[in-house]
Amino acid sequence: MLFRWNASQNTDSYQVNLRNLNNNSIALTNSNTNEAEITLLRGVPYEWFVVSRANGTSETANSAVWRFFNAGPGIANYAPFPAVAIAPTRGATIPAAVLVTLQWSGTDIDEDISTYNLYFGTENPPDLLEEGLTDTAFEVGVASGQTYFWQVETVDSAGNRTQSELFNFQVE
């Protein structure tokens, strides 16, 4: 990291005093200009100040003391993509049945999908039927002549949630 400070009069050299506030280690860097390149650790708080020196005298002048935190790399976690209906497909009409298996697929860039919450019913929007599912299929009871609505909420390990579109199908 490049450290810069205001140049001072009657100064021939500078000494940058950098203290790691986690372990109190001090690094001293000398410079003939008002800047110095210093390597820093990530995720560490620091304190620094500059000492101005002039040739021919032992007198020095110290700058103010500054503190900063050198943040580590950001932690990124992406929300999963909305689930996609496999069966029955949106708007499908299926033969009369007592049970239907709802199937969907879920994907996530981070590959950290933890659970699915399934909403299902004859009302739009449907009520929560089952939560915490780890499979991508669930069997539901249906009746002839009814239109059913269903939706899947995908949850990843970071707690990110996405809702699928609203799917519907009709039973003959």
Protein backbone atom coordinates (compact mmCIF):
# COMPACT_ATOMS: atom_id res chain seq x y z
CA MET A 1 0.00 0.00 0.00
CA LEU A 2 1.30 3.45 -0.80
CA PHE A 3 1.47 5.72 2.24
CA ARG A 4 1.58 9.48 1.57
CA TRP A 5 1.81 12.46 3.85
CA ASN A 6 2.42 16.19 3.57
CA ALA A 7 6.05 17.14 3.07
CA SER A 8 7.58 19.18 5.87
CA GLN A 9 10.13 22.01 5.68
CA ASN A 10 13.77 21.41 6.61
CA THR A 11 13.32 17.63 6.31
CA ASP A 12 15.86 15.38 4.62
CA SER A 13 14.23 12.02 5.36
CA TYR A 14 11.18 10.44 6.91
CA GLN A 15 10.60 7.34 8.96
CA VAL A 16 7.17 5.68 8.81
CA ASN A 17 6.27 3.88 12.04
CA LEU A 18 3.60 1.26 11.40
CA ARG A 19 2.20 -0.75 14.31
CA ASN A 20 0.06 -3.88 13.90
CA LEU A 21 -2.60 -3.39 16.59
CA ASN A 22 -3.29 -7.12 16.84
CA ASN A 23 0.20 -8.13 17.93
CA ASN A 24 1.88 -4.73 18.59
CA SER A 25 4.71 -5.45 16.14
CA ILE A 26 6.27 -2.31 14.68
CA ALA A 27 7.67 -1.92 11.18
CA LEU A 28 9.93 1.04 10.40
CA THR A 29 10.28 2.24 6.80
CA ASN A 30 12.65 5.02 5.75
CA SER A 31 12.01 7.34 2.81
CA ASN A 32 13.64 10.39 1.23
CA THR A 33 10.28 11.54 -0.17
CA ASN A 34 6.84 12.05 1.36
CA GLU A 35 5.63 8.56 0.41
CA ALA A 36 6.54 4.94 1.06
CA GLU A 37 5.29 1.61 -0.27
CA ILE A 38 4.58 -0.80 2.61
CA THR A 39 3.14 -4.31 2.44
CA LEU A 40 0.19 -4.87 4.78
CA LEU A 41 -1.60 -7.93 6.09
CA ARG A 42 -5.31 -8.26 5.34
CA GLY A 43 -7.89 -8.18 8.09
CA VAL A 44 -5.57 -6.29 10.48
CA PRO A 45 -5.95 -2.94 12.29
CA TYR A 46 -2.94 -0.60 12.09
CA GLU A 47 -1.68 2.63 13.57
CA TRP A 48 0.93 4.82 11.86
CA PHE A 49 2.80 8.09 12.13
CA VAL A 50 5.73 9.77 10.41
CA VAL A 51 8.95 11.08 11.96
CA SER A 52 10.65 13.95 10.07
CA ARG A 53 14.45 14.04 10.27
CA ALA A 54 16.99 16.67 9.20
CA ASN A 55 20.69 16.08 8.58
CA GLY A 56 23.03 17.61 11.16
CA THR A 57 20.59 17.51 14.07
CA SER A 58 19.12 14.90 16.35
CA GLU A 59 15.86 16.82 16.65
CA THR A 60 12.84 15.21 15.01
CA ALA A 61 9.19 16.04 14.56
CA ASN A 62 6.36 13.52 14.73
CA SER A 63 3.12 13.70 12.77
CA ALA A 64 -0.27 12.95 14.19
CA VAL A 65 -1.09 9.26 14.70
CA TRP A 66 -3.61 7.68 12.32
CA ARG A 67 -5.45 4.38 12.63
CA PHE A 68 -7.05 2.24 9.95
CA PHE A 69 -8.26 -1.29 9.30
CA ASN A 70 -7.00 -3.14 6.24
CA ALA A 71 -10.05 -5.20 5.37
CA GLY A 72 -9.69 -8.72 4.09
CA PRO A 73 -11.22 -10.00 0.88
CA GLY A 74 -14.98 -9.69 0.77
CA ILE A 75 -17.09 -12.73 1.39
CA ALA A 76 -19.53 -13.17 -1.44
CA ASN A 77 -22.42 -15.54 -1.50
CA TYR A 78 -24.94 -15.42 -4.28
CA ALA A 79 -28.63 -16.08 -3.97
CA PRO A 80 -29.80 -19.26 -5.66
CA PHE A 81 -31.56 -19.10 -9.00
CA PRO A 82 -35.34 -19.47 -8.79
CA ALA A 83 -36.42 -23.11 -9.01
CA VAL A 84 -37.75 -24.37 -12.34
CA ALA A 85 -40.78 -26.67 -12.63
CA ILE A 86 -40.08 -30.04 -14.19
CA ALA A 87 -43.46 -31.71 -13.62
CA PRO A 88 -46.21 -30.84 -13.91
CA THR A 89 -45.22 -27.95 -16.13
CA ARG A 90 -46.87 -24.56 -15.83
CA GLY A 91 -50.37 -24.57 -17.31
CA ALA A 92 -50.46 -28.35 -17.85
CA THR A 93 -53.64 -30.38 -17.74
CA ILE A 94 -53.03 -33.78 -16.23
CA PRO A 95 -55.23 -36.90 -16.20
CA ALA A 96 -57.43 -37.55 -13.17
CA ALA A 97 -55.33 -38.75 -10.25
CA VAL A 98 -55.30 -38.90 -6.49
CA LEU A 99 -51.60 -38.17 -6.10
CA VAL A 100 -49.22 -36.05 -8.17
CA THR A 101 -45.48 -35.73 -7.73
CA LEU A 102 -44.30 -32.14 -7.99
CA GLN A 103 -40.75 -32.00 -9.38
CA TRP A 104 -38.43 -29.04 -9.73
CA SER A 105 -34.77 -28.25 -10.17
CA GLY A 106 -32.71 -25.76 -8.24
CA THR A 107 -29.29 -24.29 -9.02
CA ASP A 108 -26.90 -21.96 -7.23
CA ILE A 109 -23.57 -20.53 -8.40
CA ASP A 110 -22.13 -21.27 -4.94
CA GLU A 111 -23.59 -24.80 -4.99
CA ASP A 112 -24.81 -24.34 -1.42
CA ILE A 113 -28.57 -24.92 -1.64
CA SER A 114 -29.64 -26.21 1.74
CA THR A 115 -33.45 -26.57 1.59
CA TYR A 116 -36.64 -25.88 -0.32
CA ASN A 117 -39.97 -24.61 0.98
CA LEU A 118 -43.00 -25.78 -1.00
CA TYR A 119 -46.18 -23.76 -1.38
CA PHE A 120 -49.18 -25.62 -2.77
CA GLY A 121 -52.95 -25.35 -2.95
CA THR A 122 -56.02 -24.28 -4.89
CA GLU A 123 -55.68 -20.63 -3.81
CA ASN A 124 -53.50 -18.08 -5.54
CA PRO A 125 -51.07 -17.51 -3.89
CA PRO A 126 -50.77 -20.97 -2.34
CA ASP A 127 -50.08 -21.58 1.34
CA LEU A 128 -46.88 -23.10 2.69
CA LEU A 129 -47.27 -26.87 2.54
CA GLU A 130 -43.85 -28.13 3.58
CA GLU A 131 -40.58 -26.47 4.59
CA GLY A 132 -37.03 -27.68 4.95
CA LEU A 133 -37.22 -30.13 2.04
CA THR A 134 -33.92 -31.45 0.75
CA ASP A 135 -35.33 -33.42 -2.19
CA THR A 136 -36.54 -31.78 -5.40
CA ALA A 137 -39.75 -33.81 -5.56
CA PHE A 138 -42.79 -34.01 -3.30
CA GLU A 139 -46.01 -36.00 -3.61
CA VAL A 140 -49.28 -34.12 -3.08
CA GLY A 141 -52.93 -35.14 -3.01
CA VAL A 142 -55.17 -33.71 -5.73
CA ALA A 143 -58.81 -33.90 -6.84
CA SER A 144 -60.37 -33.98 -10.31
CA GLY A 145 -61.68 -30.72 -11.74
CA GLN A 146 -59.38 -28.53 -9.63
CA THR A 147 -56.68 -26.04 -10.59
CA TYR A 148 -53.63 -26.12 -8.34
CA PHE A 149 -50.97 -23.51 -7.77
CA TRP A 150 -47.46 -24.22 -6.54
CA GLN A 151 -44.28 -22.36 -5.89
CA VAL A 152 -40.84 -23.26 -4.55
CA GLU A 153 -38.66 -21.12 -2.30
CA THR A 154 -34.97 -22.06 -2.53
CA VAL A 155 -32.79 -21.40 0.53
CA ASP A 156 -28.98 -21.55 0.55
CA SER A 157 -26.55 -22.03 3.44
CA ALA A 158 -26.08 -18.26 3.83
CA GLY A 159 -29.83 -17.77 4.27
CA ASN A 160 -30.37 -16.26 0.81
CA ARG A 161 -33.85 -17.05 -0.51
CA THR A 162 -35.46 -16.93 -3.92
CA GLN A 163 -39.03 -17.58 -4.99
CA SER A 164 -39.82 -19.45 -8.17
CA GLU A 165 -42.47 -18.19 -10.48
CA LEU A 166 -45.99 -19.33 -9.68
CA PHE A 167 -46.75 -22.65 -11.41
CA ASN A 168 -50.25 -23.99 -11.99
CA PHE A 169 -51.82 -27.14 -13.40
CA GLN A 170 -55.31 -28.51 -13.79
CA VAL A 171 -56.52 -32.03 -12.97
CA GLU A 172 -59.08 -33.47 -15.45
